[in-house]
Amino acid sequence: MSSTIAVVPLGMPLIVGPGVLTTTLLVVQQQGYLWTLAALVVNMAIVYGVLRSSDAIMKVVGPGVAAAAAKIASLFLAAIE
């Protein structure tokens, strides 16, 4: 079993995709720019925290769980096509 890392160009669209953009437009109309910007900053801080601590998360869950999660995520992506 090799321990290589694959680069997935879908990384950013999965973080900020069409659903997020549509929701942002709707929230701006309903709540205004201040609350929308606050929500965006909080969500980006959460994403940054998770990506920054990915090494620690991998140590906790292990390669088996990571591989299983990757297989499940690939099923979701295959279902979208």
PDB file of N, CA and C in Angstrom:
ATOM      1  N   MET A   1       0.846  -1.174   0.000  1.00  0.00           N
ATOM      2  CA  MET A   1       0.000   0.000   0.000  1.00  0.00           C
ATOM      3  C   MET A   1       0.889   1.234   0.000  1.00  0.00           C
ATOM      4  N   SER A   2       0.723   2.091  -1.010  1.00  0.00           N
ATOM      5  CA  SER A   2       1.537   3.301  -1.083  1.00  0.00           C
ATOM      6  C   SER A   2       0.873   4.422  -0.287  1.00  0.00           C
ATOM      7  N   SER A   3       1.686   5.336   0.168  1.00  0.00           N
ATOM      8  CA  SER A   3       1.147   6.463   0.937  1.00  0.00           C
ATOM      9  C   SER A   3       1.298   7.748   0.135  1.00  0.00           C
ATOM     10  N   THR A   4       0.694   7.763  -1.043  1.00  0.00           N
ATOM     11  CA  THR A   4       0.756   8.947  -1.887  1.00  0.00           C
ATOM     12  C   THR A   4      -0.494   9.794  -1.661  1.00  0.00           C
ATOM     13  N   ILE A   5      -0.378  11.053  -2.018  1.00  0.00           N
ATOM     14  CA  ILE A   5      -1.496  11.971  -1.868  1.00  0.00           C
ATOM     15  C   ILE A   5      -1.919  12.424  -3.257  1.00  0.00           C
ATOM     16  N   ALA A   6      -3.205  12.364  -3.511  1.00  0.00           N
ATOM     17  CA  ALA A   6      -3.731  12.796  -4.801  1.00  0.00           C
ATOM     18  C   ALA A   6      -4.219  14.230  -4.703  1.00  0.00           C
ATOM     19  N   VAL A   7      -4.009  14.978  -5.753  1.00  0.00           N
ATOM     20  CA  VAL A   7      -4.500  16.348  -5.813  1.00  0.00           C
ATOM     21  C   VAL A   7      -5.851  16.316  -6.516  1.00  0.00           C
ATOM     22  N   VAL A   8      -6.857  16.827  -5.846  1.00  0.00           N
ATOM     23  CA  VAL A   8      -8.211  16.814  -6.393  1.00  0.00           C
ATOM     24  C   VAL A   8      -8.596  18.238  -6.764  1.00  0.00           C
ATOM     25  N   PRO A   9      -8.790  18.508  -8.041  1.00  0.00           N
ATOM     26  CA  PRO A   9      -9.146  19.874  -8.436  1.00  0.00           C
ATOM     27  C   PRO A   9     -10.547  20.282  -7.999  1.00  0.00           C
ATOM     28  N   LEU A  10     -11.335  19.355  -7.487  1.00  0.00           N
ATOM     29  CA  LEU A  10     -12.680  19.683  -7.030  1.00  0.00           C
ATOM     30  C   LEU A  10     -12.691  20.196  -5.602  1.00  0.00           C
ATOM     31  N   GLY A  11     -11.522  20.401  -5.002  1.00  0.00           N
ATOM     32  CA  GLY A  11     -11.461  20.829  -3.602  1.00  0.00           C
ATOM     33  C   GLY A  11     -12.201  22.124  -3.344  1.00  0.00           C
ATOM     34  N   MET A  12     -11.933  23.135  -4.105  1.00  0.00           N
ATOM     35  CA  MET A  12     -12.613  24.421  -3.882  1.00  0.00           C
ATOM     36  C   MET A  12     -14.086  24.360  -4.260  1.00  0.00           C
ATOM     37  N   PRO A  13     -14.470  23.757  -5.397  1.00  0.00           N
ATOM     38  CA  PRO A  13     -15.912  23.688  -5.667  1.00  0.00           C
ATOM     39  C   PRO A  13     -16.686  22.915  -4.598  1.00  0.00           C
ATOM     40  N   LEU A  14     -16.040  21.963  -3.920  1.00  0.00           N
ATOM     41  CA  LEU A  14     -16.749  21.265  -2.859  1.00  0.00           C
ATOM     42  C   LEU A  14     -16.887  22.138  -1.621  1.00  0.00           C
ATOM     43  N   ILE A  15     -15.950  23.058  -1.400  1.00  0.00           N
ATOM     44  CA  ILE A  15     -16.047  23.965  -0.259  1.00  0.00           C
ATOM     45  C   ILE A  15     -16.998  25.111  -0.581  1.00  0.00           C
ATOM     46  N   VAL A  16     -16.831  25.723  -1.728  1.00  0.00           N
ATOM     47  CA  VAL A  16     -17.701  26.820  -2.154  1.00  0.00           C
ATOM     48  C   VAL A  16     -18.226  26.480  -3.534  1.00  0.00           C
ATOM     49  N   GLY A  17     -19.371  25.849  -3.562  1.00  0.00           N
ATOM     50  CA  GLY A  17     -19.969  25.445  -4.824  1.00  0.00           C
ATOM     51  C   GLY A  17     -21.218  26.246  -5.136  1.00  0.00           C
ATOM     52  N   PRO A  18     -21.992  25.762  -6.080  1.00  0.00           N
ATOM     53  CA  PRO A  18     -23.202  26.472  -6.490  1.00  0.00           C
ATOM     54  C   PRO A  18     -24.229  26.624  -5.361  1.00  0.00           C
ATOM     55  N   GLY A  19     -24.300  25.628  -4.494  1.00  0.00           N
ATOM     56  CA  GLY A  19     -25.244  25.719  -3.379  1.00  0.00           C
ATOM     57  C   GLY A  19     -24.895  26.844  -2.424  1.00  0.00           C
ATOM     58  N   VAL A  20     -23.610  26.997  -2.159  1.00  0.00           N
ATOM     59  CA  VAL A  20     -23.163  28.068  -1.260  1.00  0.00           C
ATOM     60  C   VAL A  20     -23.405  29.431  -1.906  1.00  0.00           C
ATOM     61  N   LEU A  21     -23.129  29.529  -3.183  1.00  0.00           N
ATOM     62  CA  LEU A  21     -23.331  30.807  -3.863  1.00  0.00           C
ATOM     63  C   LEU A  21     -24.808  31.189  -3.902  1.00  0.00           C
ATOM     64  N   THR A  22     -25.678  30.234  -4.168  1.00  0.00           N
ATOM     65  CA  THR A  22     -27.116  30.499  -4.179  1.00  0.00           C
ATOM     66  C   THR A  22     -27.610  30.876  -2.792  1.00  0.00           C
ATOM     67  N   THR A  23     -27.161  30.143  -1.776  1.00  0.00           N
ATOM     68  CA  THR A  23     -27.557  30.447  -0.407  1.00  0.00           C
ATOM     69  C   THR A  23     -27.084  31.825   0.002  1.00  0.00           C
ATOM     70  N   THR A  24     -25.871  32.190  -0.398  1.00  0.00           N
ATOM     71  CA  THR A  24     -25.339  33.507  -0.071  1.00  0.00           C
ATOM     72  C   THR A  24     -26.204  34.606  -0.678  1.00  0.00           C
ATOM     73  N   LEU A  25     -26.615  34.432  -1.924  1.00  0.00           N
ATOM     74  CA  LEU A  25     -27.467  35.436  -2.553  1.00  0.00           C
ATOM     75  C   LEU A  25     -28.805  35.557  -1.831  1.00  0.00           C
ATOM     76  N   LEU A  26     -29.376  34.424  -1.424  1.00  0.00           N
ATOM     77  CA  LEU A  26     -30.652  34.460  -0.712  1.00  0.00           C
ATOM     78  C   LEU A  26     -30.518  35.092   0.672  1.00  0.00           C
ATOM     79  N   VAL A  27     -29.428  34.778   1.383  1.00  0.00           N
ATOM     80  CA  VAL A  27     -29.227  35.332   2.719  1.00  0.00           C
ATOM     81  C   VAL A  27     -28.984  36.835   2.640  1.00  0.00           C
ATOM     82  N   VAL A  28     -28.276  37.296   1.617  1.00  0.00           N
ATOM     83  CA  VAL A  28     -28.064  38.737   1.453  1.00  0.00           C
ATOM     84  C   VAL A  28     -29.404  39.442   1.284  1.00  0.00           C
ATOM     85  N   GLN A  29     -30.297  38.862   0.507  1.00  0.00           N
ATOM     86  CA  GLN A  29     -31.607  39.476   0.294  1.00  0.00           C
ATOM     87  C   GLN A  29     -32.441  39.481   1.574  1.00  0.00           C
ATOM     88  N   GLN A  30     -32.350  38.417   2.366  1.00  0.00           N
ATOM     89  CA  GLN A  30     -33.193  38.298   3.551  1.00  0.00           C
ATOM     90  C   GLN A  30     -32.594  38.948   4.792  1.00  0.00           C
ATOM     91  N   GLN A  31     -31.272  38.842   4.982  1.00  0.00           N
ATOM     92  CA  GLN A  31     -30.649  39.288   6.225  1.00  0.00           C
ATOM     93  C   GLN A  31     -29.761  40.509   6.070  1.00  0.00           C
ATOM     94  N   GLY A  32     -29.323  40.781   4.880  1.00  0.00           N
ATOM     95  CA  GLY A  32     -28.438  41.922   4.661  1.00  0.00           C
ATOM     96  C   GLY A  32     -26.983  41.499   4.591  1.00  0.00           C
ATOM     97  N   TYR A  33     -26.144  42.461   4.235  1.00  0.00           N
ATOM     98  CA  TYR A  33     -24.732  42.176   4.017  1.00  0.00           C
ATOM     99  C   TYR A  33     -23.963  41.875   5.301  1.00  0.00           C
ATOM    100  N   LEU A  34     -24.316  42.531   6.393  1.00  0.00           N
ATOM    101  CA  LEU A  34     -23.563  42.349   7.632  1.00  0.00           C
ATOM    102  C   LEU A  34     -23.640  40.911   8.130  1.00  0.00           C
ATOM    103  N   TRP A  35     -24.852  40.358   8.232  1.00  0.00           N
ATOM    104  CA  TRP A  35     -25.004  38.981   8.721  1.00  0.00           C
ATOM    105  C   TRP A  35     -24.438  37.965   7.730  1.00  0.00           C
ATOM    106  N   THR A  36     -24.569  38.264   6.452  1.00  0.00           N
ATOM    107  CA  THR A  36     -24.013  37.360   5.446  1.00  0.00           C
ATOM    108  C   THR A  36     -22.495  37.336   5.531  1.00  0.00           C
ATOM    109  N   LEU A  37     -21.881  38.487   5.676  1.00  0.00           N
ATOM    110  CA  LEU A  37     -20.429  38.557   5.802  1.00  0.00           C
ATOM    111  C   LEU A  37     -19.965  37.874   7.086  1.00  0.00           C
ATOM    112  N   ALA A  38     -20.709  38.069   8.177  1.00  0.00           N
ATOM    113  CA  ALA A  38     -20.357  37.414   9.440  1.00  0.00           C
ATOM    114  C   ALA A  38     -20.427  35.896   9.303  1.00  0.00           C
ATOM    115  N   ALA A  39     -21.471  35.393   8.663  1.00  0.00           N
ATOM    116  CA  ALA A  39     -21.601  33.952   8.456  1.00  0.00           C
ATOM    117  C   ALA A  39     -20.486  33.425   7.568  1.00  0.00           C
ATOM    118  N   LEU A  40     -20.126  34.180   6.546  1.00  0.00           N
ATOM    119  CA  LEU A  40     -19.037  33.775   5.655  1.00  0.00           C
ATOM    120  C   LEU A  40     -17.719  33.688   6.411  1.00  0.00           C
ATOM    121  N   VAL A  41     -17.439  34.678   7.246  1.00  0.00           N
ATOM    122  CA  VAL A  41     -16.192  34.687   8.009  1.00  0.00           C
ATOM    123  C   VAL A  41     -16.149  33.507   8.982  1.00  0.00           C
ATOM    124  N   VAL A  42     -17.254  33.235   9.676  1.00  0.00           N
ATOM    125  CA  VAL A  42     -17.298  32.110  10.615  1.00  0.00           C
ATOM    126  C   VAL A  42     -17.093  30.787   9.882  1.00  0.00           C
ATOM    127  N   ASN A  43     -17.765  30.611   8.758  1.00  0.00           N
ATOM    128  CA  ASN A  43     -17.624  29.365   8.000  1.00  0.00           C
ATOM    129  C   ASN A  43     -16.221  29.186   7.445  1.00  0.00           C
ATOM    130  N   MET A  44     -15.621  30.257   6.957  1.00  0.00           N
ATOM    131  CA  MET A  44     -14.256  30.147   6.450  1.00  0.00           C
ATOM    132  C   MET A  44     -13.272  29.856   7.580  1.00  0.00           C
ATOM    133  N   ALA A  45     -13.537  30.375   8.771  1.00  0.00           N
ATOM    134  CA  ALA A  45     -12.687  30.065   9.925  1.00  0.00           C
ATOM    135  C   ALA A  45     -12.795  28.586  10.286  1.00  0.00           C
ATOM    136  N   ILE A  46     -13.992  28.025  10.205  1.00  0.00           N
ATOM    137  CA  ILE A  46     -14.178  26.590  10.478  1.00  0.00           C
ATOM    138  C   ILE A  46     -13.428  25.761   9.437  1.00  0.00           C
ATOM    139  N   VAL A  47     -13.568  26.111   8.161  1.00  0.00           N
ATOM    140  CA  VAL A  47     -12.867  25.374   7.100  1.00  0.00           C
ATOM    141  C   VAL A  47     -11.356  25.481   7.296  1.00  0.00           C
ATOM    142  N   TYR A  48     -10.870  26.669   7.612  1.00  0.00           N
ATOM    143  CA  TYR A  48      -9.439  26.859   7.850  1.00  0.00           C
ATOM    144  C   TYR A  48      -8.975  25.994   9.019  1.00  0.00           C
ATOM    145  N   GLY A  49      -9.750  25.971  10.097  1.00  0.00           N
ATOM    146  CA  GLY A  49      -9.378  25.171  11.266  1.00  0.00           C
ATOM    147  C   GLY A  49      -9.313  23.686  10.955  1.00  0.00           C
ATOM    148  N   VAL A  50     -10.280  23.204  10.201  1.00  0.00           N
ATOM    149  CA  VAL A  50     -10.289  21.776   9.846  1.00  0.00           C
ATOM    150  C   VAL A  50      -9.123  21.445   8.924  1.00  0.00           C
ATOM    151  N   LEU A  51      -8.901  22.266   7.909  1.00  0.00           N
ATOM    152  CA  LEU A  51      -7.790  21.990   6.993  1.00  0.00           C
ATOM    153  C   LEU A  51      -6.441  22.142   7.684  1.00  0.00           C
ATOM    154  N   ARG A  52      -6.335  23.111   8.590  1.00  0.00           N
ATOM    155  CA  ARG A  52      -5.074  23.330   9.310  1.00  0.00           C
ATOM    156  C   ARG A  52      -4.757  22.173  10.249  1.00  0.00           C
ATOM    157  N   SER A  53      -5.784  21.578  10.836  1.00  0.00           N
ATOM    158  CA  SER A  53      -5.558  20.485  11.787  1.00  0.00           C
ATOM    159  C   SER A  53      -5.761  19.111  11.152  1.00  0.00           C
ATOM    160  N   SER A  54      -5.646  19.028   9.835  1.00  0.00           N
ATOM    161  CA  SER A  54      -5.879  17.755   9.162  1.00  0.00           C
ATOM    162  C   SER A  54      -4.873  16.676   9.565  1.00  0.00           C
ATOM    163  N   ASP A  55      -3.634  17.072   9.858  1.00  0.00           N
ATOM    164  CA  ASP A  55      -2.661  16.073  10.320  1.00  0.00           C
ATOM    165  C   ASP A  55      -3.097  15.454  11.641  1.00  0.00           C
ATOM    166  N   ALA A  56      -3.555  16.272  12.563  1.00  0.00           N
ATOM    167  CA  ALA A  56      -4.021  15.756  13.855  1.00  0.00           C
ATOM    168  C   ALA A  56      -5.267  14.902  13.680  1.00  0.00           C
ATOM    169  N   ILE A  57      -6.156  15.301  12.787  1.00  0.00           N
ATOM    170  CA  ILE A  57      -7.366  14.515  12.531  1.00  0.00           C
ATOM    171  C   ILE A  57      -6.992  13.158  11.949  1.00  0.00           C
ATOM    172  N   MET A  58      -6.029  13.137  11.034  1.00  0.00           N
ATOM    173  CA  MET A  58      -5.591  11.865  10.438  1.00  0.00           C
ATOM    174  C   MET A  58      -4.962  10.949  11.473  1.00  0.00           C
ATOM    175  N   LYS A  59      -4.242  11.508  12.439  1.00  0.00           N
ATOM    176  CA  LYS A  59      -3.659  10.680  13.489  1.00  0.00           C
ATOM    177  C   LYS A  59      -4.739  10.039  14.353  1.00  0.00           C
ATOM    178  N   VAL A  60      -5.849  10.751  14.555  1.00  0.00           N
ATOM    179  CA  VAL A  60      -6.937  10.229  15.384  1.00  0.00           C
ATOM    180  C   VAL A  60      -7.740   9.170  14.635  1.00  0.00           C
ATOM    181  N   VAL A  61      -8.151   9.472  13.397  1.00  0.00           N
ATOM    182  CA  VAL A  61      -9.023   8.542  12.680  1.00  0.00           C
ATOM    183  C   VAL A  61      -8.268   7.403  12.012  1.00  0.00           C
ATOM    184  N   GLY A  62      -7.041   7.636  11.607  1.00  0.00           N
ATOM    185  CA  GLY A  62      -6.243   6.587  10.974  1.00  0.00           C
ATOM    186  C   GLY A  62      -6.505   6.470   9.488  1.00  0.00           C
ATOM    187  N   PRO A  63      -5.619   5.759   8.794  1.00  0.00           N
ATOM    188  CA  PRO A  63      -5.736   5.657   7.338  1.00  0.00           C
ATOM    189  C   PRO A  63      -6.933   4.822   6.880  1.00  0.00           C
ATOM    190  N   GLY A  64      -7.361   3.859   7.692  1.00  0.00           N
ATOM    191  CA  GLY A  64      -8.503   3.030   7.295  1.00  0.00           C
ATOM    192  C   GLY A  64      -9.791   3.825   7.217  1.00  0.00           C
ATOM    193  N   VAL A  65     -10.039   4.627   8.223  1.00  0.00           N
ATOM    194  CA  VAL A  65     -11.253   5.453   8.241  1.00  0.00           C
ATOM    195  C   VAL A  65     -11.178   6.512   7.142  1.00  0.00           C
ATOM    196  N   ALA A  66      -9.995   7.061   6.931  1.00  0.00           N
ATOM    197  CA  ALA A  66      -9.826   8.050   5.865  1.00  0.00           C
ATOM    198  C   ALA A  66     -10.107   7.432   4.497  1.00  0.00           C
ATOM    199  N   ALA A  67      -9.632   6.221   4.281  1.00  0.00           N
ATOM    200  CA  ALA A  67      -9.881   5.533   3.004  1.00  0.00           C
ATOM    201  C   ALA A  67     -11.373   5.231   2.835  1.00  0.00           C
ATOM    202  N   ALA A  68     -12.030   4.815   3.920  1.00  0.00           N
ATOM    203  CA  ALA A  68     -13.469   4.542   3.851  1.00  0.00           C
ATOM    204  C   ALA A  68     -14.251   5.822   3.560  1.00  0.00           C
ATOM    205  N   ALA A  69     -13.876   6.917   4.201  1.00  0.00           N
ATOM    206  CA  ALA A  69     -14.543   8.198   3.952  1.00  0.00           C
ATOM    207  C   ALA A  69     -14.331   8.650   2.510  1.00  0.00           C
ATOM    208  N   ALA A  70     -13.148   8.398   1.967  1.00  0.00           N
ATOM    209  CA  ALA A  70     -12.877   8.753   0.577  1.00  0.00           C
ATOM    210  C   ALA A  70     -13.745   7.935  -0.374  1.00  0.00           C
ATOM    211  N   LYS A  71     -13.934   6.660  -0.069  1.00  0.00           N
ATOM    212  CA  LYS A  71     -14.798   5.811  -0.910  1.00  0.00           C
ATOM    213  C   LYS A  71     -16.240   6.303  -0.872  1.00  0.00           C
ATOM    214  N   ILE A  72     -16.720   6.670   0.319  1.00  0.00           N
ATOM    215  CA  ILE A  72     -18.089   7.173   0.440  1.00  0.00           C
ATOM    216  C   ILE A  72     -18.235   8.491  -0.302  1.00  0.00           C
ATOM    217  N   ALA A  73     -17.256   9.381  -0.176  1.00  0.00           N
ATOM    218  CA  ALA A  73     -17.304  10.651  -0.900  1.00  0.00           C
ATOM    219  C   ALA A  73     -17.297  10.431  -2.403  1.00  0.00           C
ATOM    220  N   SER A  74     -16.548   9.435  -2.876  1.00  0.00           N
ATOM    221  CA  SER A  74     -16.537   9.155  -4.318  1.00  0.00           C
ATOM    222  C   SER A  74     -17.888   8.634  -4.800  1.00  0.00           C
ATOM    223  N   LEU A  75     -18.600   7.919  -3.915  1.00  0.00           N
ATOM    224  CA  LEU A  75     -19.953   7.478  -4.278  1.00  0.00           C
ATOM    225  C   LEU A  75     -20.879   8.679  -4.455  1.00  0.00           C
ATOM    226  N   PHE A  76     -20.763   9.669  -3.548  1.00  0.00           N
ATOM    227  CA  PHE A  76     -21.590  10.865  -3.680  1.00  0.00           C
ATOM    228  C   PHE A  76     -21.257  11.612  -4.965  1.00  0.00           C
ATOM    229  N   LEU A  77     -19.973  11.711  -5.290  1.00  0.00           N
ATOM    230  CA  LEU A  77     -19.586  12.409  -6.512  1.00  0.00           C
ATOM    231  C   LEU A  77     -20.034  11.654  -7.746  1.00  0.00           C
ATOM    232  N   ALA A  78     -20.009  10.325  -7.705  1.00  0.00           N
ATOM    233  CA  ALA A  78     -20.455   9.525  -8.847  1.00  0.00           C
ATOM    234  C   ALA A  78     -21.966   9.655  -9.031  1.00  0.00           C
ATOM    235  N   ALA A  79     -22.686   9.816  -7.925  1.00  0.00           N
ATOM    236  CA  ALA A  79     -24.143   9.944  -8.012  1.00  0.00           C
ATOM    237  C   ALA A  79     -24.553  11.272  -8.638  1.00  0.00           C
ATOM    238  N   ILE A  80     -23.701  12.274  -8.523  1.00  0.00           N
ATOM    239  CA  ILE A  80     -24.014  13.595  -9.091  1.00  0.00           C
ATOM    240  C   ILE A  80     -23.925  13.565 -10.600  1.00  0.00           C
ATOM    241  N   GLU A  81     -23.012  12.772 -11.141  1.00  0.00           N
ATOM    242  CA  GLU A  81     -22.820  12.727 -12.603  1.00  0.00           C
ATOM    243  C   GLU A  81     -23.997  12.167 -13.262  1.00  0.00           C
TER     244      GLU A  81
END
